[in-house]
Amino acid sequence: MTRNTSFDGKSRTFSRNIYGTTKGQIRLRVLERDLTEGLPASRQPLRTLDAGGGFGPVSQRLAAEGHTVVLCDLSAEMLDEARTQVAEKGLSEQFDFIHGSIQSLTVADLGQFDLVLCHAVLEWVEEQAGLLATLNELLLPGGHLSLMYYNRDGLLYHSLVKGNFDYVHANLVRKRRQKLTPGWPCRPAEVDGWLHELGFVITGRSGVRVFHDYMSNVHGPFPTEEELIEMELAHSRTEPFMHLGRYMHVLARKE
C-alpha cells in the first residue's frame, strides 16, 4: 500500500512556518523566476495540474496570468484554505479542486495537462518513482513538469555543518519524527534517473535556499529579507551552491 502524508491538522502550522517566513518567500521567488524563464511563451492558457498543491501559492499566480488549474490535495483543510484564497482573488472560475491522492488521478477522468506542478510533495511519498510515473501519464507530450523536492544531499551537508553526527550515522533517520520533517528526502541523482527513464529531458535546475539555512554568526548588520532573496536567486543556479539547496527545483519536458 502506498504511503502518503496528509497535512490535515497541520495546515495552519505549515502555512505559518513555511510561507510566513523568509525561507518560504525564497521558495516562491525561485519557483516564479524559473517558471517565467523556463516555460515557452504561449498565447494560449496552459491547462495546469497542481499535484499535492496545498493552498496553491504558485498555481494562484499562474491563474492570475490567465491559466486554468486543477488543484489536487490529500488534505481537506488545505483545499478549504485554497478555495478561500482563490475566491478572495476572484479566480474561482479558473480552478477545479480534487480531494484525494495524486495516485488516484487518471487520464480517463481528467485528460492530460500542458503543465504539471509538483512542489514539496515527493519527499512525503514512499513510492516516489510510481508517483512520477503517474505525473508522466497526466502530462501531454511536449508538456512540462515543475518538480521541487527536499534534497537529501543538502540535508546531509546541513547536518555535517551543524555537527549532528549522530543523525548522520543514523542515515538521516530521526528517532522521533518531527511534524514538518519529510519522511523520504530525495537524492537528486536518483530523481534524475527516474525522470530520464520516463523519457523526460531536464531543461532547468535550481537550488532553493542554497545558503540561507547555513547562516550563523553574521557580522555587521543582518541582511534584509529582500537582500537575502536576491542573493539566493543570484546563486541558485551556480555550481557548487545549487546542489547544496535544501530543495531542488527541476523543470523537465516530456518528449
Protein backbone atom coordinates (compact mmCIF):
# COMPACT_ATOMS: atom_id res chain seq x y z
CA MET A 1 0.00 0.00 0.00
CA THR A 2 1.36 3.41 -0.97
CA ARG A 3 2.00 5.70 1.99
CA ASN A 4 1.30 9.40 1.53
CA THR A 5 1.27 12.20 4.10
CA SER A 6 -1.75 14.40 4.71
CA PHE A 7 -1.45 17.83 6.32
CA ASP A 8 -4.88 17.75 7.93
CA GLY A 9 -4.43 19.17 11.43
CA LYS A 10 -1.17 20.85 10.42
CA SER A 11 -2.28 23.22 7.66
CA ARG A 12 -2.05 26.40 9.72
CA THR A 13 1.32 25.41 11.15
CA PHE A 14 2.55 24.60 7.66
CA SER A 15 1.33 27.91 6.25
CA ARG A 16 2.85 29.90 9.10
CA ASN A 17 6.19 28.04 9.35
CA ILE A 18 6.80 27.81 5.62
CA TYR A 19 5.15 30.59 3.66
CA GLY A 20 5.03 33.07 6.53
CA THR A 21 8.83 33.19 6.70
CA THR A 22 11.77 34.35 4.61
CA LYS A 23 12.53 30.77 3.60
CA GLY A 24 9.02 30.48 2.14
CA GLN A 25 9.46 33.70 0.19
CA ILE A 26 12.77 32.40 -1.19
CA ARG A 27 10.95 29.27 -2.36
CA LEU A 28 8.23 31.26 -4.12
CA ARG A 29 10.64 33.66 -5.79
CA VAL A 30 12.87 30.88 -7.14
CA LEU A 31 9.86 28.97 -8.49
CA GLU A 32 8.35 32.11 -10.01
CA ARG A 33 11.65 33.03 -11.71
CA ASP A 34 12.22 29.51 -13.02
CA LEU A 35 8.70 29.14 -14.42
CA THR A 36 8.73 32.59 -16.02
CA GLU A 37 12.06 31.98 -17.72
CA GLY A 38 11.80 28.23 -18.32
CA LEU A 39 8.38 27.77 -19.88
CA PRO A 40 7.90 28.53 -23.58
CA ALA A 41 5.97 31.68 -24.38
CA SER A 42 2.37 30.86 -25.28
CA ARG A 43 -0.65 32.96 -26.06
CA GLN A 44 -2.93 30.07 -25.14
CA PRO A 45 -3.79 29.43 -21.47
CA LEU A 46 -1.93 26.43 -20.10
CA ARG A 47 -4.05 23.68 -18.60
CA THR A 48 -2.24 23.13 -15.31
CA LEU A 49 -2.32 20.37 -12.69
CA ASP A 50 -1.13 21.42 -9.23
CA ALA A 51 -0.48 17.95 -7.78
CA GLY A 52 -0.44 18.00 -4.00
CA GLY A 53 -0.64 21.77 -4.28
CA GLY A 54 -1.91 22.56 -0.79
CA PHE A 55 -3.47 26.01 -0.92
CA GLY A 56 -1.86 26.66 -4.29
CA PRO A 57 0.52 29.59 -3.79
CA VAL A 58 2.20 29.02 -7.17
CA SER A 59 -0.86 27.98 -9.18
CA GLN A 60 -2.75 31.02 -7.92
CA ARG A 61 -0.13 33.20 -9.59
CA LEU A 62 -0.47 31.20 -12.81
CA ALA A 63 -4.25 31.57 -12.69
CA ALA A 64 -3.86 35.32 -12.27
CA GLU A 65 -1.96 35.25 -15.59
CA GLY A 66 -4.91 33.54 -17.30
CA HIS A 67 -4.06 29.85 -16.99
CA THR A 68 -6.53 27.22 -15.75
CA VAL A 69 -5.76 24.97 -12.79
CA VAL A 70 -6.86 21.64 -11.37
CA LEU A 71 -5.62 21.57 -7.77
CA CYS A 72 -5.44 18.18 -6.06
CA ASP A 73 -4.55 17.59 -2.41
CA LEU A 74 -4.95 14.86 0.18
CA SER A 75 -5.75 17.42 2.89
CA ALA A 76 -9.31 18.74 3.08
CA GLU A 77 -8.06 21.58 5.30
CA MET A 78 -5.56 22.70 2.67
CA LEU A 79 -8.24 22.62 -0.03
CA ASP A 80 -10.60 24.71 2.11
CA GLU A 81 -7.87 27.31 2.52
CA ALA A 82 -7.18 27.20 -1.22
CA ARG A 83 -10.86 27.78 -2.04
CA THR A 84 -10.96 30.75 0.33
CA GLN A 85 -7.85 32.39 -1.10
CA VAL A 86 -8.89 31.73 -4.70
CA ALA A 87 -12.34 33.23 -4.09
CA GLU A 88 -10.86 36.31 -2.43
CA LYS A 89 -8.72 36.90 -5.52
CA GLY A 90 -11.62 36.40 -7.95
CA LEU A 91 -10.02 33.33 -9.53
CA SER A 92 -12.66 30.69 -8.74
CA GLU A 93 -13.72 30.22 -12.38
CA GLN A 94 -10.18 29.16 -13.30
CA PHE A 95 -9.87 26.49 -10.59
CA ASP A 96 -11.21 22.99 -10.07
CA PHE A 97 -10.45 21.20 -6.81
CA ILE A 98 -9.97 17.49 -6.17
CA HIS A 99 -9.76 15.99 -2.68
CA GLY A 100 -7.69 12.85 -2.96
CA SER A 101 -4.28 11.35 -3.62
CA ILE A 102 -2.26 12.11 -6.73
CA GLN A 103 -2.05 8.39 -7.45
CA SER A 104 -5.84 8.25 -7.80
CA LEU A 105 -5.85 10.72 -10.71
CA THR A 106 -6.38 9.22 -14.16
CA VAL A 107 -6.24 10.43 -17.74
CA ALA A 108 -9.67 8.87 -18.29
CA ASP A 109 -11.15 11.24 -15.69
CA LEU A 110 -9.09 14.37 -16.26
CA GLY A 111 -7.41 14.20 -19.64
CA GLN A 112 -3.83 15.45 -19.96
CA PHE A 113 -2.20 18.73 -18.98
CA ASP A 114 0.22 21.20 -20.55
CA LEU A 115 1.94 21.82 -17.21
CA VAL A 116 2.19 19.76 -14.03
CA LEU A 117 3.37 21.32 -10.77
CA CYS A 118 4.57 19.01 -8.00
CA HIS A 119 6.23 21.09 -5.30
CA ALA A 120 7.43 19.74 -1.93
CA VAL A 121 5.40 16.55 -2.37
CA LEU A 122 7.80 13.82 -3.48
CA GLU A 123 9.58 13.68 -0.10
CA TRP A 124 6.26 12.95 1.64
CA VAL A 125 5.52 9.89 -0.55
CA GLU A 126 7.05 6.45 -0.06
CA GLU A 127 6.65 5.18 -3.65
CA GLN A 128 8.36 8.10 -5.37
CA ALA A 129 9.11 6.53 -8.75
CA GLY A 130 5.46 5.46 -9.02
CA LEU A 131 4.28 8.99 -8.29
CA LEU A 132 6.47 10.37 -11.07
CA ALA A 133 5.08 7.74 -13.45
CA THR A 134 1.54 8.93 -12.62
CA LEU A 135 2.50 12.54 -13.32
CA ASN A 136 4.08 11.47 -16.61
CA GLU A 137 0.83 9.86 -17.73
CA LEU A 138 -1.12 13.02 -16.91
CA LEU A 139 1.21 15.23 -18.94
CA LEU A 140 0.78 15.90 -22.65
CA PRO A 141 3.71 15.07 -24.97
CA GLY A 142 5.79 18.23 -25.12
CA GLY A 143 4.36 19.36 -21.78
CA HIS A 144 6.42 20.49 -18.82
CA LEU A 145 6.88 19.17 -15.30
CA SER A 146 7.89 21.55 -12.49
CA LEU A 147 9.24 19.32 -9.72
CA MET A 148 10.57 20.64 -6.41
CA TYR A 149 11.72 18.17 -3.76
CA TYR A 150 13.58 18.02 -0.44
CA ASN A 151 17.24 17.49 -1.21
CA ARG A 152 18.83 14.70 0.79
CA ASP A 153 22.32 15.90 -0.17
CA GLY A 154 21.54 19.35 1.22
CA LEU A 155 20.14 17.76 4.39
CA LEU A 156 23.32 15.73 4.81
CA TYR A 157 25.54 18.77 4.34
CA HIS A 158 23.47 20.83 6.78
CA SER A 159 23.78 18.04 9.38
CA LEU A 160 27.56 17.90 8.90
CA VAL A 161 27.93 21.67 9.22
CA LYS A 162 25.88 21.67 12.41
CA GLY A 163 27.86 18.76 13.87
CA ASN A 164 24.82 16.46 14.07
CA PHE A 165 26.98 13.39 13.56
CA ASP A 166 24.63 11.03 15.40
CA TYR A 167 21.97 11.93 12.82
CA VAL A 168 24.46 11.32 10.01
CA HIS A 169 25.45 7.93 11.46
CA ALA A 170 21.74 7.09 11.70
CA ASN A 171 21.47 7.58 7.92
CA LEU A 172 19.44 10.78 8.47
CA VAL A 173 16.65 8.91 10.24
CA ARG A 174 15.39 10.55 13.43
CA LYS A 175 14.33 8.54 16.46
CA ARG A 176 11.40 10.90 16.86
CA ARG A 177 9.61 12.06 13.77
CA GLN A 178 9.17 15.84 13.61
CA LYS A 179 5.83 17.08 12.29
CA LEU A 180 7.16 19.03 9.32
CA THR A 181 10.22 16.91 8.56
CA PRO A 182 9.74 14.84 5.37
CA GLY A 183 9.96 11.10 5.73
CA TRP A 184 11.62 10.36 2.38
CA PRO A 185 14.17 13.04 1.37
CA CYS A 186 15.30 12.63 -2.24
CA ARG A 187 18.69 12.01 -3.80
CA PRO A 188 18.98 14.25 -6.90
CA ALA A 189 20.86 11.61 -8.90
CA GLU A 190 18.08 9.10 -8.21
CA VAL A 191 15.33 11.55 -9.17
CA ASP A 192 17.20 12.44 -12.38
CA GLY A 193 17.41 8.73 -13.19
CA TRP A 194 13.67 8.23 -12.76
CA LEU A 195 12.92 11.23 -14.98
CA HIS A 196 15.25 10.00 -17.71
CA GLU A 197 13.71 6.53 -17.60
CA LEU A 198 10.30 8.12 -18.16
CA GLY A 199 11.60 10.00 -21.20
CA PHE A 200 11.89 13.46 -19.69
CA VAL A 201 14.53 15.97 -20.75
CA ILE A 202 15.66 18.22 -17.91
CA THR A 203 15.62 21.81 -19.16
CA GLY A 204 16.39 23.71 -15.96
CA ARG A 205 17.59 23.24 -12.41
CA SER A 206 17.85 25.49 -9.35
CA GLY A 207 18.69 25.06 -5.70
CA VAL A 208 16.26 26.53 -3.20
CA ARG A 209 17.80 28.02 -0.04
CA VAL A 210 21.38 27.36 -1.08
CA PHE A 211 22.87 29.32 1.84
CA HIS A 212 20.01 30.74 3.93
CA ASP A 213 19.81 27.76 6.31
CA TYR A 214 23.57 27.70 6.86
CA MET A 215 23.85 31.32 8.01
CA SER A 216 25.05 31.87 11.58
CA ASN A 217 27.14 34.41 13.48
CA VAL A 218 26.58 37.09 10.85
CA HIS A 219 28.94 40.02 11.46
CA GLY A 220 27.60 43.51 10.96
CA PRO A 221 24.01 44.44 10.09
CA PHE A 222 21.90 41.40 9.25
CA PRO A 223 20.74 41.47 5.59
CA THR A 224 17.17 42.45 4.87
CA GLU A 225 14.74 39.84 3.55
CA GLU A 226 14.96 41.30 0.04
CA GLU A 227 18.77 41.23 0.15
CA LEU A 228 18.69 37.58 1.20
CA ILE A 229 16.25 36.68 -1.57
CA GLU A 230 18.25 38.49 -4.24
CA MET A 231 21.46 36.73 -3.16
CA GLU A 232 19.69 33.37 -3.14
CA LEU A 233 18.43 34.00 -6.68
CA ALA A 234 21.93 35.00 -7.80
CA HIS A 235 23.50 31.75 -6.57
CA SER A 236 20.65 29.26 -7.04
CA ARG A 237 21.84 28.13 -10.48
CA THR A 238 25.58 28.35 -9.80
CA GLU A 239 27.85 25.39 -9.06
CA PRO A 240 28.54 24.19 -6.40
CA PHE A 241 25.92 26.15 -4.43
CA MET A 242 22.99 24.87 -6.46
CA HIS A 243 23.43 21.33 -5.17
CA LEU A 244 23.57 22.46 -1.53
CA GLY A 245 19.99 23.78 -1.62
CA ARG A 246 17.60 22.38 0.96
CA TYR A 247 15.28 21.83 -2.00
CA MET A 248 15.95 21.21 -5.68
CA HIS A 249 13.71 22.57 -8.40
CA VAL A 250 13.79 20.77 -11.75
CA LEU A 251 12.00 21.75 -14.94
CA ALA A 252 11.62 18.87 -17.37
CA ARG A 253 9.95 18.46 -20.77
CA LYS A 254 8.12 15.30 -21.75
CA GLU A 255 9.49 14.11 -25.07
